[in-house]
Amino acid sequence: NISGIYDTSGGAWEYVMGNYNNTAANSALTISSIDNRYKDIYTGTSANTNKILGDTIGEKQGWNSDYAHFVSSSGPWFKRGGHYTHTTIAGVSSFSDDDGRADSSFSFRVVLSPTK
């Protein structure tokens, strides 16, 4: 929706277009061919050294004891929200890394935005 607020709290992990060094891993995507305005590329493996204003990772890391694990070369894709089985560590501030594989406990969300 236009406000940018989504229900990402503990239903399924949701992949987002946050990626480590344009690394595809098991996703089968050619990351470098995707326009930069549609992705956040991280060159380090820590929220402290990779501040992207507005991604909420640096701003909200560890809030409410939500799970927080940054992307790396072995897990280059961000997933957000947590799985419903994670109970207390799942939440809107929860994030983790993954290799981009398909998994029945993962999801993704398509967001359409109006342009001028």
PDB file of N, CA and C in Angstrom:
ATOM      1  N   ASN A   1       0.824  -1.184   0.000  1.00  0.00           N
ATOM      2  CA  ASN A   1       0.000   0.000   0.000  1.00  0.00           C
ATOM      3  C   ASN A   1       0.868   1.247   0.000  1.00  0.00           C
ATOM      4  N   ILE A   2       0.293   2.371  -0.201  1.00  0.00           N
ATOM      5  CA  ILE A   2       1.035   3.613  -0.371  1.00  0.00           C
ATOM      6  C   ILE A   2       1.804   4.036   0.884  1.00  0.00           C
ATOM      7  N   SER A   3       1.352   3.584   2.064  1.00  0.00           N
ATOM      8  CA  SER A   3       2.024   3.978   3.309  1.00  0.00           C
ATOM      9  C   SER A   3       3.319   3.217   3.537  1.00  0.00           C
ATOM     10  N   GLY A   4       3.514   2.101   2.822  1.00  0.00           N
ATOM     11  CA  GLY A   4       4.719   1.312   3.019  1.00  0.00           C
ATOM     12  C   GLY A   4       4.624   0.367   4.191  1.00  0.00           C
ATOM     13  N   ILE A   5       3.458   0.248   4.817  1.00  0.00           N
ATOM     14  CA  ILE A   5       3.290  -0.638   5.964  1.00  0.00           C
ATOM     15  C   ILE A   5       2.665  -1.938   5.479  1.00  0.00           C
ATOM     16  N   TYR A   6       3.307  -3.036   5.807  1.00  0.00           N
ATOM     17  CA  TYR A   6       2.848  -4.339   5.349  1.00  0.00           C
ATOM     18  C   TYR A   6       2.824  -5.300   6.524  1.00  0.00           C
ATOM     19  N   ASP A   7       1.991  -6.306   6.464  1.00  0.00           N
ATOM     20  CA  ASP A   7       1.946  -7.332   7.488  1.00  0.00           C
ATOM     21  C   ASP A   7       3.055  -8.339   7.207  1.00  0.00           C
ATOM     22  N   THR A   8       4.201  -8.149   7.823  1.00  0.00           N
ATOM     23  CA  THR A   8       5.327  -9.057   7.620  1.00  0.00           C
ATOM     24  C   THR A   8       5.723  -9.728   8.931  1.00  0.00           C
ATOM     25  N   SER A   9       4.796  -9.858   9.838  1.00  0.00           N
ATOM     26  CA  SER A   9       5.129 -10.361  11.157  1.00  0.00           C
ATOM     27  C   SER A   9       4.743 -11.814  11.342  1.00  0.00           C
ATOM     28  N   GLY A  10       5.665 -12.705  11.066  1.00  0.00           N
ATOM     29  CA  GLY A  10       5.535 -14.085  11.484  1.00  0.00           C
ATOM     30  C   GLY A  10       4.592 -15.000  10.727  1.00  0.00           C
ATOM     31  N   GLY A  11       4.205 -14.681   9.525  1.00  0.00           N
ATOM     32  CA  GLY A  11       3.424 -15.634   8.734  1.00  0.00           C
ATOM     33  C   GLY A  11       4.363 -16.600   8.039  1.00  0.00           C
ATOM     34  N   ALA A  12       5.164 -16.054   7.144  1.00  0.00           N
ATOM     35  CA  ALA A  12       6.211 -16.803   6.444  1.00  0.00           C
ATOM     36  C   ALA A  12       7.376 -15.844   6.250  1.00  0.00           C
ATOM     37  N   TRP A  13       8.569 -16.363   6.153  1.00  0.00           N
ATOM     38  CA  TRP A  13       9.683 -15.501   5.764  1.00  0.00           C
ATOM     39  C   TRP A  13       9.358 -14.928   4.393  1.00  0.00           C
ATOM     40  N   GLU A  14       9.616 -13.653   4.185  1.00  0.00           N
ATOM     41  CA  GLU A  14       9.367 -13.047   2.886  1.00  0.00           C
ATOM     42  C   GLU A  14      10.674 -12.529   2.315  1.00  0.00           C
ATOM     43  N   TYR A  15      11.025 -13.037   1.125  1.00  0.00           N
ATOM     44  CA  TYR A  15      12.205 -12.518   0.438  1.00  0.00           C
ATOM     45  C   TYR A  15      11.960 -11.070   0.034  1.00  0.00           C
ATOM     46  N   VAL A  16      12.990 -10.261   0.139  1.00  0.00           N
ATOM     47  CA  VAL A  16      12.951  -8.886  -0.330  1.00  0.00           C
ATOM     48  C   VAL A  16      14.157  -8.659  -1.239  1.00  0.00           C
ATOM     49  N   MET A  17      14.170  -7.576  -1.979  1.00  0.00           N
ATOM     50  CA  MET A  17      15.267  -7.308  -2.918  1.00  0.00           C
ATOM     51  C   MET A  17      16.445  -6.636  -2.214  1.00  0.00           C
ATOM     52  N   GLY A  18      16.900  -7.236  -1.144  1.00  0.00           N
ATOM     53  CA  GLY A  18      18.124  -6.851  -0.473  1.00  0.00           C
ATOM     54  C   GLY A  18      19.120  -7.971  -0.708  1.00  0.00           C
ATOM     55  N   ASN A  19      20.275  -7.647  -1.228  1.00  0.00           N
ATOM     56  CA  ASN A  19      21.204  -8.677  -1.691  1.00  0.00           C
ATOM     57  C   ASN A  19      22.640  -8.281  -1.385  1.00  0.00           C
ATOM     58  N   TYR A  20      23.475  -9.277  -1.155  1.00  0.00           N
ATOM     59  CA  TYR A  20      24.901  -9.080  -0.903  1.00  0.00           C
ATOM     60  C   TYR A  20      25.675  -9.165  -2.216  1.00  0.00           C
ATOM     61  N   ASN A  21      26.286  -8.063  -2.622  1.00  0.00           N
ATOM     62  CA  ASN A  21      27.215  -7.998  -3.765  1.00  0.00           C
ATOM     63  C   ASN A  21      26.690  -8.592  -5.078  1.00  0.00           C
ATOM     64  N   ASN A  22      25.401  -8.411  -5.374  1.00  0.00           N
ATOM     65  CA  ASN A  22      24.824  -8.951  -6.622  1.00  0.00           C
ATOM     66  C   ASN A  22      25.038 -10.457  -6.759  1.00  0.00           C
ATOM     67  N   THR A  23      24.928 -11.184  -5.644  1.00  0.00           N
ATOM     68  CA  THR A  23      25.157 -12.622  -5.622  1.00  0.00           C
ATOM     69  C   THR A  23      23.843 -13.371  -5.788  1.00  0.00           C
ATOM     70  N   ALA A  24      23.732 -14.173  -6.831  1.00  0.00           N
ATOM     71  CA  ALA A  24      22.484 -14.899  -7.106  1.00  0.00           C
ATOM     72  C   ALA A  24      22.307 -16.114  -6.206  1.00  0.00           C
ATOM     73  N   ALA A  25      23.379 -16.811  -5.884  1.00  0.00           N
ATOM     74  CA  ALA A  25      23.326 -18.075  -5.115  1.00  0.00           C
ATOM     75  C   ALA A  25      22.335 -19.024  -5.768  1.00  0.00           C
ATOM     76  N   ASN A  26      21.330 -19.500  -5.037  1.00  0.00           N
ATOM     77  CA  ASN A  26      20.369 -20.470  -5.572  1.00  0.00           C
ATOM     78  C   ASN A  26      19.109 -19.838  -6.150  1.00  0.00           C
ATOM     79  N   SER A  27      19.117 -18.535  -6.383  1.00  0.00           N
ATOM     80  CA  SER A  27      17.901 -17.846  -6.836  1.00  0.00           C
ATOM     81  C   SER A  27      17.675 -17.920  -8.332  1.00  0.00           C
ATOM     82  N   ALA A  28      18.690 -18.189  -9.117  1.00  0.00           N
ATOM     83  CA  ALA A  28      18.606 -18.235 -10.584  1.00  0.00           C
ATOM     84  C   ALA A  28      18.308 -16.873 -11.203  1.00  0.00           C
ATOM     85  N   LEU A  29      18.492 -15.801 -10.456  1.00  0.00           N
ATOM     86  CA  LEU A  29      18.313 -14.451 -11.000  1.00  0.00           C
ATOM     87  C   LEU A  29      19.646 -13.890 -11.466  1.00  0.00           C
ATOM     88  N   THR A  30      19.603 -13.030 -12.447  1.00  0.00           N
ATOM     89  CA  THR A  30      20.778 -12.266 -12.844  1.00  0.00           C
ATOM     90  C   THR A  30      20.619 -10.897 -12.197  1.00  0.00           C
ATOM     91  N   ILE A  31      21.156 -10.760 -10.997  1.00  0.00           N
ATOM     92  CA  ILE A  31      20.946  -9.573 -10.175  1.00  0.00           C
ATOM     93  C   ILE A  31      21.432  -8.308 -10.870  1.00  0.00           C
ATOM     94  N   SER A  32      22.575  -8.383 -11.533  1.00  0.00           N
ATOM     95  CA  SER A  32      23.144  -7.195 -12.163  1.00  0.00           C
ATOM     96  C   SER A  32      22.265  -6.642 -13.278  1.00  0.00           C
ATOM     97  N   SER A  33      21.350  -7.444 -13.811  1.00  0.00           N
ATOM     98  CA  SER A  33      20.469  -6.956 -14.876  1.00  0.00           C
ATOM     99  C   SER A  33      19.233  -6.234 -14.332  1.00  0.00           C
ATOM    100  N   ILE A  34      19.029  -6.260 -13.019  1.00  0.00           N
ATOM    101  CA  ILE A  34      17.875  -5.593 -12.400  1.00  0.00           C
ATOM    102  C   ILE A  34      18.259  -4.150 -12.092  1.00  0.00           C
ATOM    103  N   ASP A  35      17.426  -3.221 -12.500  1.00  0.00           N
ATOM    104  CA  ASP A  35      17.669  -1.794 -12.282  1.00  0.00           C
ATOM    105  C   ASP A  35      17.920  -1.515 -10.796  1.00  0.00           C
ATOM    106  N   ASN A  36      18.900  -0.686 -10.498  1.00  0.00           N
ATOM    107  CA  ASN A  36      19.284  -0.383  -9.116  1.00  0.00           C
ATOM    108  C   ASN A  36      18.158   0.196  -8.269  1.00  0.00           C
ATOM    109  N   ARG A  37      17.181   0.834  -8.882  1.00  0.00           N
ATOM    110  CA  ARG A  37      16.104   1.419  -8.086  1.00  0.00           C
ATOM    111  C   ARG A  37      15.188   0.348  -7.502  1.00  0.00           C
ATOM    112  N   TYR A  38      15.310  -0.896  -7.953  1.00  0.00           N
ATOM    113  CA  TYR A  38      14.471  -1.977  -7.467  1.00  0.00           C
ATOM    114  C   TYR A  38      15.167  -2.901  -6.483  1.00  0.00           C
ATOM    115  N   LYS A  39      16.384  -2.577  -6.091  1.00  0.00           N
ATOM    116  CA  LYS A  39      17.119  -3.467  -5.199  1.00  0.00           C
ATOM    117  C   LYS A  39      18.044  -2.660  -4.290  1.00  0.00           C
ATOM    118  N   ASP A  40      18.372  -3.227  -3.153  1.00  0.00           N
ATOM    119  CA  ASP A  40      19.386  -2.681  -2.248  1.00  0.00           C
ATOM    120  C   ASP A  40      20.542  -3.662  -2.255  1.00  0.00           C
ATOM    121  N   ILE A  41      21.720  -3.187  -2.609  1.00  0.00           N
ATOM    122  CA  ILE A  41      22.902  -4.039  -2.648  1.00  0.00           C
ATOM    123  C   ILE A  41      23.803  -3.677  -1.463  1.00  0.00           C
ATOM    124  N   TYR A  42      24.173  -4.683  -0.686  1.00  0.00           N
ATOM    125  CA  TYR A  42      25.028  -4.519   0.482  1.00  0.00           C
ATOM    126  C   TYR A  42      26.408  -5.092   0.150  1.00  0.00           C
ATOM    127  N   THR A  43      27.459  -4.350   0.483  1.00  0.00           N
ATOM    128  CA  THR A  43      28.818  -4.788   0.176  1.00  0.00           C
ATOM    129  C   THR A  43      29.548  -5.322   1.392  1.00  0.00           C
ATOM    130  N   GLY A  44      28.949  -5.222   2.548  1.00  0.00           N
ATOM    131  CA  GLY A  44      29.536  -5.746   3.772  1.00  0.00           C
ATOM    132  C   GLY A  44      28.579  -6.707   4.442  1.00  0.00           C
ATOM    133  N   THR A  45      28.979  -7.220   5.584  1.00  0.00           N
ATOM    134  CA  THR A  45      28.179  -8.246   6.255  1.00  0.00           C
ATOM    135  C   THR A  45      27.708  -7.817   7.642  1.00  0.00           C
ATOM    136  N   SER A  46      27.497  -6.521   7.826  1.00  0.00           N
ATOM    137  CA  SER A  46      27.056  -6.016   9.113  1.00  0.00           C
ATOM    138  C   SER A  46      26.155  -4.799   8.923  1.00  0.00           C
ATOM    139  N   ALA A  47      25.106  -4.722   9.712  1.00  0.00           N
ATOM    140  CA  ALA A  47      24.221  -3.550   9.660  1.00  0.00           C
ATOM    141  C   ALA A  47      24.956  -2.293  10.101  1.00  0.00           C
ATOM    142  N   ASN A  48      25.989  -2.442  10.919  1.00  0.00           N
ATOM    143  CA  ASN A  48      26.743  -1.286  11.399  1.00  0.00           C
ATOM    144  C   ASN A  48      27.566  -0.628  10.294  1.00  0.00           C
ATOM    145  N   THR A  49      27.981  -1.399   9.299  1.00  0.00           N
ATOM    146  CA  THR A  49      28.805  -0.849   8.216  1.00  0.00           C
ATOM    147  C   THR A  49      28.048  -0.709   6.905  1.00  0.00           C
ATOM    148  N   ASN A  50      26.776  -1.074   6.875  1.00  0.00           N
ATOM    149  CA  ASN A  50      25.969  -1.038   5.650  1.00  0.00           C
ATOM    150  C   ASN A  50      24.668  -0.303   5.889  1.00  0.00           C
ATOM    151  N   LYS A  51      24.741   0.960   6.153  1.00  0.00           N
ATOM    152  CA  LYS A  51      23.536   1.737   6.413  1.00  0.00           C
ATOM    153  C   LYS A  51      22.896   2.163   5.101  1.00  0.00           C
ATOM    154  N   ILE A  52      21.683   1.698   4.864  1.00  0.00           N
ATOM    155  CA  ILE A  52      20.872   2.188   3.756  1.00  0.00           C
ATOM    156  C   ILE A  52      19.641   2.797   4.400  1.00  0.00           C
ATOM    157  N   LEU A  53      19.594   4.105   4.438  1.00  0.00           N
ATOM    158  CA  LEU A  53      18.517   4.810   5.106  1.00  0.00           C
ATOM    159  C   LEU A  53      17.166   4.370   4.552  1.00  0.00           C
ATOM    160  N   GLY A  54      16.283   3.942   5.437  1.00  0.00           N
ATOM    161  CA  GLY A  54      14.945   3.549   5.035  1.00  0.00           C
ATOM    162  C   GLY A  54      14.730   2.059   4.896  1.00  0.00           C
ATOM    163  N   ASP A  55      15.785   1.263   4.929  1.00  0.00           N
ATOM    164  CA  ASP A  55      15.576  -0.186   4.797  1.00  0.00           C
ATOM    165  C   ASP A  55      15.149  -0.821   6.122  1.00  0.00           C
ATOM    166  N   THR A  56      15.171  -0.085   7.179  1.00  0.00           N
ATOM    167  CA  THR A  56      14.802  -0.450   8.561  1.00  0.00           C
ATOM    168  C   THR A  56      15.737  -1.462   9.205  1.00  0.00           C
ATOM    169  N   ILE A  57      16.696  -1.967   8.490  1.00  0.00           N
ATOM    170  CA  ILE A  57      17.605  -2.950   9.082  1.00  0.00           C
ATOM    171  C   ILE A  57      18.541  -2.268  10.078  1.00  0.00           C
ATOM    172  N   GLY A  58      19.219  -1.219   9.648  1.00  0.00           N
ATOM    173  CA  GLY A  58      20.091  -0.491  10.562  1.00  0.00           C
ATOM    174  C   GLY A  58      19.325   0.252  11.638  1.00  0.00           C
ATOM    175  N   GLU A  59      18.139   0.759  11.281  1.00  0.00           N
ATOM    176  CA  GLU A  59      17.351   1.544  12.226  1.00  0.00           C
ATOM    177  C   GLU A  59      16.686   0.705  13.312  1.00  0.00           C
ATOM    178  N   LYS A  60      16.294  -0.535  12.980  1.00  0.00           N
ATOM    179  CA  LYS A  60      15.487  -1.323  13.909  1.00  0.00           C
ATOM    180  C   LYS A  60      16.096  -2.670  14.290  1.00  0.00           C
ATOM    181  N   GLN A  61      17.358  -2.874  14.031  1.00  0.00           N
ATOM    182  CA  GLN A  61      18.002  -4.155  14.339  1.00  0.00           C
ATOM    183  C   GLN A  61      17.862  -4.473  15.821  1.00  0.00           C
ATOM    184  N   GLY A  62      17.297  -5.643  16.113  1.00  0.00           N
ATOM    185  CA  GLY A  62      17.181  -6.102  17.494  1.00  0.00           C
ATOM    186  C   GLY A  62      15.985  -5.571  18.263  1.00  0.00           C
ATOM    187  N   TRP A  63      15.120  -4.771  17.662  1.00  0.00           N
ATOM    188  CA  TRP A  63      13.931  -4.279  18.367  1.00  0.00           C
ATOM    189  C   TRP A  63      13.064  -5.456  18.791  1.00  0.00           C
ATOM    190  N   ASN A  64      12.471  -5.349  19.939  1.00  0.00           N
ATOM    191  CA  ASN A  64      11.536  -6.354  20.471  1.00  0.00           C
ATOM    192  C   ASN A  64      12.129  -7.760  20.479  1.00  0.00           C
ATOM    193  N   SER A  65      13.426  -7.865  20.540  1.00  0.00           N
ATOM    194  CA  SER A  65      14.129  -9.153  20.516  1.00  0.00           C
ATOM    195  C   SER A  65      13.868  -9.938  19.239  1.00  0.00           C
ATOM    196  N   ASP A  66      13.485  -9.241  18.151  1.00  0.00           N
ATOM    197  CA  ASP A  66      13.286  -9.906  16.864  1.00  0.00           C
ATOM    198  C   ASP A  66      14.627 -10.406  16.336  1.00  0.00           C
ATOM    199  N   TYR A  67      14.587 -11.499  15.589  1.00  0.00           N
ATOM    200  CA  TYR A  67      15.781 -12.125  15.042  1.00  0.00           C
ATOM    201  C   TYR A  67      16.466 -11.188  14.064  1.00  0.00           C
ATOM    202  N   ALA A  68      17.799 -11.116  14.111  1.00  0.00           N
ATOM    203  CA  ALA A  68      18.553 -10.228  13.229  1.00  0.00           C
ATOM    204  C   ALA A  68      19.843 -10.908  12.788  1.00  0.00           C
ATOM    205  N   HIS A  69      19.920 -11.268  11.508  1.00  0.00           N
ATOM    206  CA  HIS A  69      21.118 -11.882  10.958  1.00  0.00           C
ATOM    207  C   HIS A  69      21.345 -11.298   9.580  1.00  0.00           C
ATOM    208  N   PHE A  70      22.526 -10.709   9.367  1.00  0.00           N
ATOM    209  CA  PHE A  70      22.819  -9.963   8.148  1.00  0.00           C
ATOM    210  C   PHE A  70      23.254 -10.871   7.001  1.00  0.00           C
ATOM    211  N   VAL A  71      23.093 -10.369   5.765  1.00  0.00           N
ATOM    212  CA  VAL A  71      23.490 -11.130   4.574  1.00  0.00           C
ATOM    213  C   VAL A  71      25.001 -11.328   4.505  1.00  0.00           C
ATOM    214  N   SER A  72      25.410 -12.358   3.736  1.00  0.00           N
ATOM    215  CA  SER A  72      26.820 -12.677   3.564  1.00  0.00           C
ATOM    216  C   SER A  72      26.977 -13.400   2.223  1.00  0.00           C
ATOM    217  N   SER A  73      28.176 -13.825   1.900  1.00  0.00           N
ATOM    218  CA  SER A  73      28.400 -14.521   0.632  1.00  0.00           C
ATOM    219  C   SER A  73      27.670 -15.864   0.585  1.00  0.00           C
ATOM    220  N   SER A  74      27.518 -16.533   1.711  1.00  0.00           N
ATOM    221  CA  SER A  74      26.811 -17.825   1.714  1.00  0.00           C
ATOM    222  C   SER A  74      25.295 -17.662   1.846  1.00  0.00           C
ATOM    223  N   GLY A  75      24.847 -16.540   2.316  1.00  0.00           N
ATOM    224  CA  GLY A  75      23.419 -16.224   2.424  1.00  0.00           C
ATOM    225  C   GLY A  75      23.181 -14.813   1.924  1.00  0.00           C
ATOM    226  N   PRO A  76      23.188 -14.613   0.599  1.00  0.00           N
ATOM    227  CA  PRO A  76      23.174 -13.259   0.050  1.00  0.00           C
ATOM    228  C   PRO A  76      21.804 -12.585  -0.040  1.00  0.00           C
ATOM    229  N   TRP A  77      20.733 -13.271   0.284  1.00  0.00           N
ATOM    230  CA  TRP A  77      19.386 -12.698   0.172  1.00  0.00           C
ATOM    231  C   TRP A  77      18.791 -12.399   1.530  1.00  0.00           C
ATOM    232  N   PHE A  78      18.164 -11.222   1.656  1.00  0.00           N
ATOM    233  CA  PHE A  78      17.430 -10.899   2.870  1.00  0.00           C
ATOM    234  C   PHE A  78      16.032 -11.502   2.811  1.00  0.00           C
ATOM    235  N   LYS A  79      15.608 -12.023   3.942  1.00  0.00           N
ATOM    236  CA  LYS A  79      14.222 -12.405   4.137  1.00  0.00           C
ATOM    237  C   LYS A  79      13.768 -11.703   5.415  1.00  0.00           C
ATOM    238  N   ARG A  80      12.493 -11.362   5.467  1.00  0.00           N
ATOM    239  CA  ARG A  80      11.993 -10.550   6.577  1.00  0.00           C
ATOM    240  C   ARG A  80      10.782 -11.193   7.236  1.00  0.00           C
ATOM    241  N   GLY A  81      10.539 -10.830   8.460  1.00  0.00           N
ATOM    242  CA  GLY A  81       9.304 -11.166   9.157  1.00  0.00           C
ATOM    243  C   GLY A  81       9.326 -12.385  10.045  1.00  0.00           C
ATOM    244  N   GLY A  82       9.998 -13.430   9.641  1.00  0.00           N
ATOM    245  CA  GLY A  82      10.023 -14.660  10.426  1.00  0.00           C
ATOM    246  C   GLY A  82       8.890 -15.599  10.070  1.00  0.00           C
ATOM    247  N   HIS A  83       9.046 -16.826  10.430  1.00  0.00           N
ATOM    248  CA  HIS A  83       8.043 -17.869  10.186  1.00  0.00           C
ATOM    249  C   HIS A  83       7.148 -17.974  11.425  1.00  0.00           C
ATOM    250  N   TYR A  84       5.903 -18.379  11.243  1.00  0.00           N
ATOM    251  CA  TYR A  84       4.974 -18.437  12.376  1.00  0.00           C
ATOM    252  C   TYR A  84       5.463 -19.354  13.496  1.00  0.00           C
ATOM    253  N   THR A  85       6.299 -20.335  13.180  1.00  0.00           N
ATOM    254  CA  THR A  85       6.815 -21.232  14.215  1.00  0.00           C
ATOM    255  C   THR A  85       7.894 -20.584  15.080  1.00  0.00           C
ATOM    256  N   HIS A  86       8.381 -19.435  14.686  1.00  0.00           N
ATOM    257  CA  HIS A  86       9.442 -18.772  15.443  1.00  0.00           C
ATOM    258  C   HIS A  86       8.922 -17.959  16.622  1.00  0.00           C
ATOM    259  N   THR A  87       7.661 -17.885  16.794  1.00  0.00           N
ATOM    260  CA  THR A  87       6.962 -17.218  17.900  1.00  0.00           C
ATOM    261  C   THR A  87       7.614 -15.903  18.315  1.00  0.00           C
ATOM    262  N   THR A  88       8.396 -15.891  19.388  1.00  0.00           N
ATOM    263  CA  THR A  88       8.867 -14.636  19.976  1.00  0.00           C
ATOM    264  C   THR A  88       9.948 -13.909  19.180  1.00  0.00           C
ATOM    265  N   ILE A  89      10.666 -14.578  18.277  1.00  0.00           N
ATOM    266  CA  ILE A  89      11.701 -13.877  17.502  1.00  0.00           C
ATOM    267  C   ILE A  89      11.203 -13.403  16.145  1.00  0.00           C
ATOM    268  N   ALA A  90       9.984 -13.800  15.760  1.00  0.00           N
ATOM    269  CA  ALA A  90       9.380 -13.310  14.514  1.00  0.00           C
ATOM    270  C   ALA A  90       8.766 -11.940  14.791  1.00  0.00           C
ATOM    271  N   GLY A  91       8.766 -11.087  13.786  1.00  0.00           N
ATOM    272  CA  GLY A  91       8.154  -9.769  13.943  1.00  0.00           C
ATOM    273  C   GLY A  91       8.530  -8.848  12.810  1.00  0.00           C
ATOM    274  N   VAL A  92       7.975  -7.656  12.810  1.00  0.00           N
ATOM    275  CA  VAL A  92       8.217  -6.723  11.707  1.00  0.00           C
ATOM    276  C   VAL A  92       9.671  -6.274  11.636  1.00  0.00           C
ATOM    277  N   SER A  93      10.425  -6.411  12.720  1.00  0.00           N
ATOM    278  CA  SER A  93      11.846  -6.036  12.710  1.00  0.00           C
ATOM    279  C   SER A  93      12.757  -7.226  12.438  1.00  0.00           C
ATOM    280  N   SER A  94      12.200  -8.405  12.308  1.00  0.00           N
ATOM    281  CA  SER A  94      12.985  -9.619  12.110  1.00  0.00           C
ATOM    282  C   SER A  94      13.537  -9.695  10.688  1.00  0.00           C
ATOM    283  N   PHE A  95      14.814 -10.064  10.565  1.00  0.00           N
ATOM    284  CA  PHE A  95      15.420 -10.289   9.254  1.00  0.00           C
ATOM    285  C   PHE A  95      16.508 -11.343   9.368  1.00  0.00           C
ATOM    286  N   SER A  96      16.776 -11.994   8.246  1.00  0.00           N
ATOM    287  CA  SER A  96      17.797 -13.026   8.208  1.00  0.00           C
ATOM    288  C   SER A  96      18.333 -13.151   6.790  1.00  0.00           C
ATOM    289  N   ASP A  97      19.364 -13.947   6.641  1.00  0.00           N
ATOM    290  CA  ASP A  97      19.967 -14.193   5.331  1.00  0.00           C
ATOM    291  C   ASP A  97      19.508 -15.554   4.814  1.00  0.00           C
ATOM    292  N   ASP A  98      19.585 -15.733   3.511  1.00  0.00           N
ATOM    293  CA  ASP A  98      19.278 -17.022   2.914  1.00  0.00           C
ATOM    294  C   ASP A  98      19.950 -17.111   1.560  1.00  0.00           C
ATOM    295  N   ASP A  99      19.971 -18.315   0.993  1.00  0.00           N
ATOM    296  CA  ASP A  99      20.659 -18.514  -0.286  1.00  0.00           C
ATOM    297  C   ASP A  99      19.769 -18.314  -1.505  1.00  0.00           C
ATOM    298  N   GLY A 100      18.494 -17.967  -1.302  1.00  0.00           N
ATOM    299  CA  GLY A 100      17.608 -17.682  -2.426  1.00  0.00           C
ATOM    300  C   GLY A 100      16.844 -18.882  -2.933  1.00  0.00           C
ATOM    301  N   ARG A 101      16.957 -20.004  -2.259  1.00  0.00           N
ATOM    302  CA  ARG A 101      16.281 -21.222  -2.713  1.00  0.00           C
ATOM    303  C   ARG A 101      14.770 -21.113  -2.505  1.00  0.00           C
ATOM    304  N   ALA A 102      14.035 -21.904  -3.245  1.00  0.00           N
ATOM    305  CA  ALA A 102      12.598 -22.010  -3.023  1.00  0.00           C
ATOM    306  C   ALA A 102      12.371 -22.891  -1.797  1.00  0.00           C
ATOM    307  N   ASP A 103      11.405 -22.536  -0.989  1.00  0.00           N
ATOM    308  CA  ASP A 103      11.116 -23.272   0.230  1.00  0.00           C
ATOM    309  C   ASP A 103       9.656 -23.026   0.584  1.00  0.00           C
ATOM    310  N   SER A 104       8.965 -24.033   1.053  1.00  0.00           N
ATOM    311  CA  SER A 104       7.539 -23.888   1.351  1.00  0.00           C
ATOM    312  C   SER A 104       7.266 -22.949   2.520  1.00  0.00           C
ATOM    313  N   SER A 105       8.273 -22.630   3.324  1.00  0.00           N
ATOM    314  CA  SER A 105       8.056 -21.698   4.429  1.00  0.00           C
ATOM    315  C   SER A 105       8.474 -20.274   4.070  1.00  0.00           C
ATOM    316  N   PHE A 106       8.850 -20.044   2.796  1.00  0.00           N
ATOM    317  CA  PHE A 106       9.237 -18.712   2.337  1.00  0.00           C
ATOM    318  C   PHE A 106       8.199 -18.180   1.368  1.00  0.00           C
ATOM    319  N   SER A 107       8.151 -16.872   1.283  1.00  0.00           N
ATOM    320  CA  SER A 107       7.202 -16.214   0.399  1.00  0.00           C
ATOM    321  C   SER A 107       7.908 -15.006  -0.221  1.00  0.00           C
ATOM    322  N   PHE A 108       7.209 -14.269  -1.018  1.00  0.00           N
ATOM    323  CA  PHE A 108       7.698 -12.981  -1.493  1.00  0.00           C
ATOM    324  C   PHE A 108       6.484 -12.129  -1.753  1.00  0.00           C
ATOM    325  N   ARG A 109       6.683 -10.861  -1.916  1.00  0.00           N
ATOM    326  CA  ARG A 109       5.574  -9.945  -2.091  1.00  0.00           C
ATOM    327  C   ARG A 109       5.863  -9.034  -3.267  1.00  0.00           C
ATOM    328  N   VAL A 110       4.933  -8.954  -4.167  1.00  0.00           N
ATOM    329  CA  VAL A 110       5.053  -8.048  -5.294  1.00  0.00           C
ATOM    330  C   VAL A 110       4.425  -6.721  -4.892  1.00  0.00           C
ATOM    331  N   VAL A 111       5.151  -5.643  -5.086  1.00  0.00           N
ATOM    332  CA  VAL A 111       4.643  -4.317  -4.750  1.00  0.00           C
ATOM    333  C   VAL A 111       4.646  -3.474  -6.016  1.00  0.00           C
ATOM    334  N   LEU A 112       3.495  -2.952  -6.356  1.00  0.00           N
ATOM    335  CA  LEU A 112       3.396  -2.043  -7.495  1.00  0.00           C
ATOM    336  C   LEU A 112       3.302  -0.628  -6.957  1.00  0.00           C
ATOM    337  N   SER A 113       4.016   0.251  -7.581  1.00  0.00           N
ATOM    338  CA  SER A 113       4.072   1.624  -7.129  1.00  0.00           C
ATOM    339  C   SER A 113       3.727   2.548  -8.285  1.00  0.00           C
ATOM    340  N   PRO A 114       2.885   3.552  -8.042  1.00  0.00           N
ATOM    341  CA  PRO A 114       2.557   4.485  -9.120  1.00  0.00           C
ATOM    342  C   PRO A 114       3.783   5.331  -9.486  1.00  0.00           C
ATOM    343  N   THR A 115       3.932   5.640 -10.762  1.00  0.00           N
ATOM    344  CA  THR A 115       5.018   6.507 -11.193  1.00  0.00           C
ATOM    345  C   THR A 115       4.411   7.739 -11.848  1.00  0.00           C
ATOM    346  N   LYS A 116       5.202   8.777 -11.900  1.00  0.00           N
ATOM    347  CA  LYS A 116       4.721  10.017 -12.508  1.00  0.00           C
ATOM    348  C   LYS A 116       5.291  10.179 -13.888  1.00  0.00           C
TER     349      LYS A 116
END
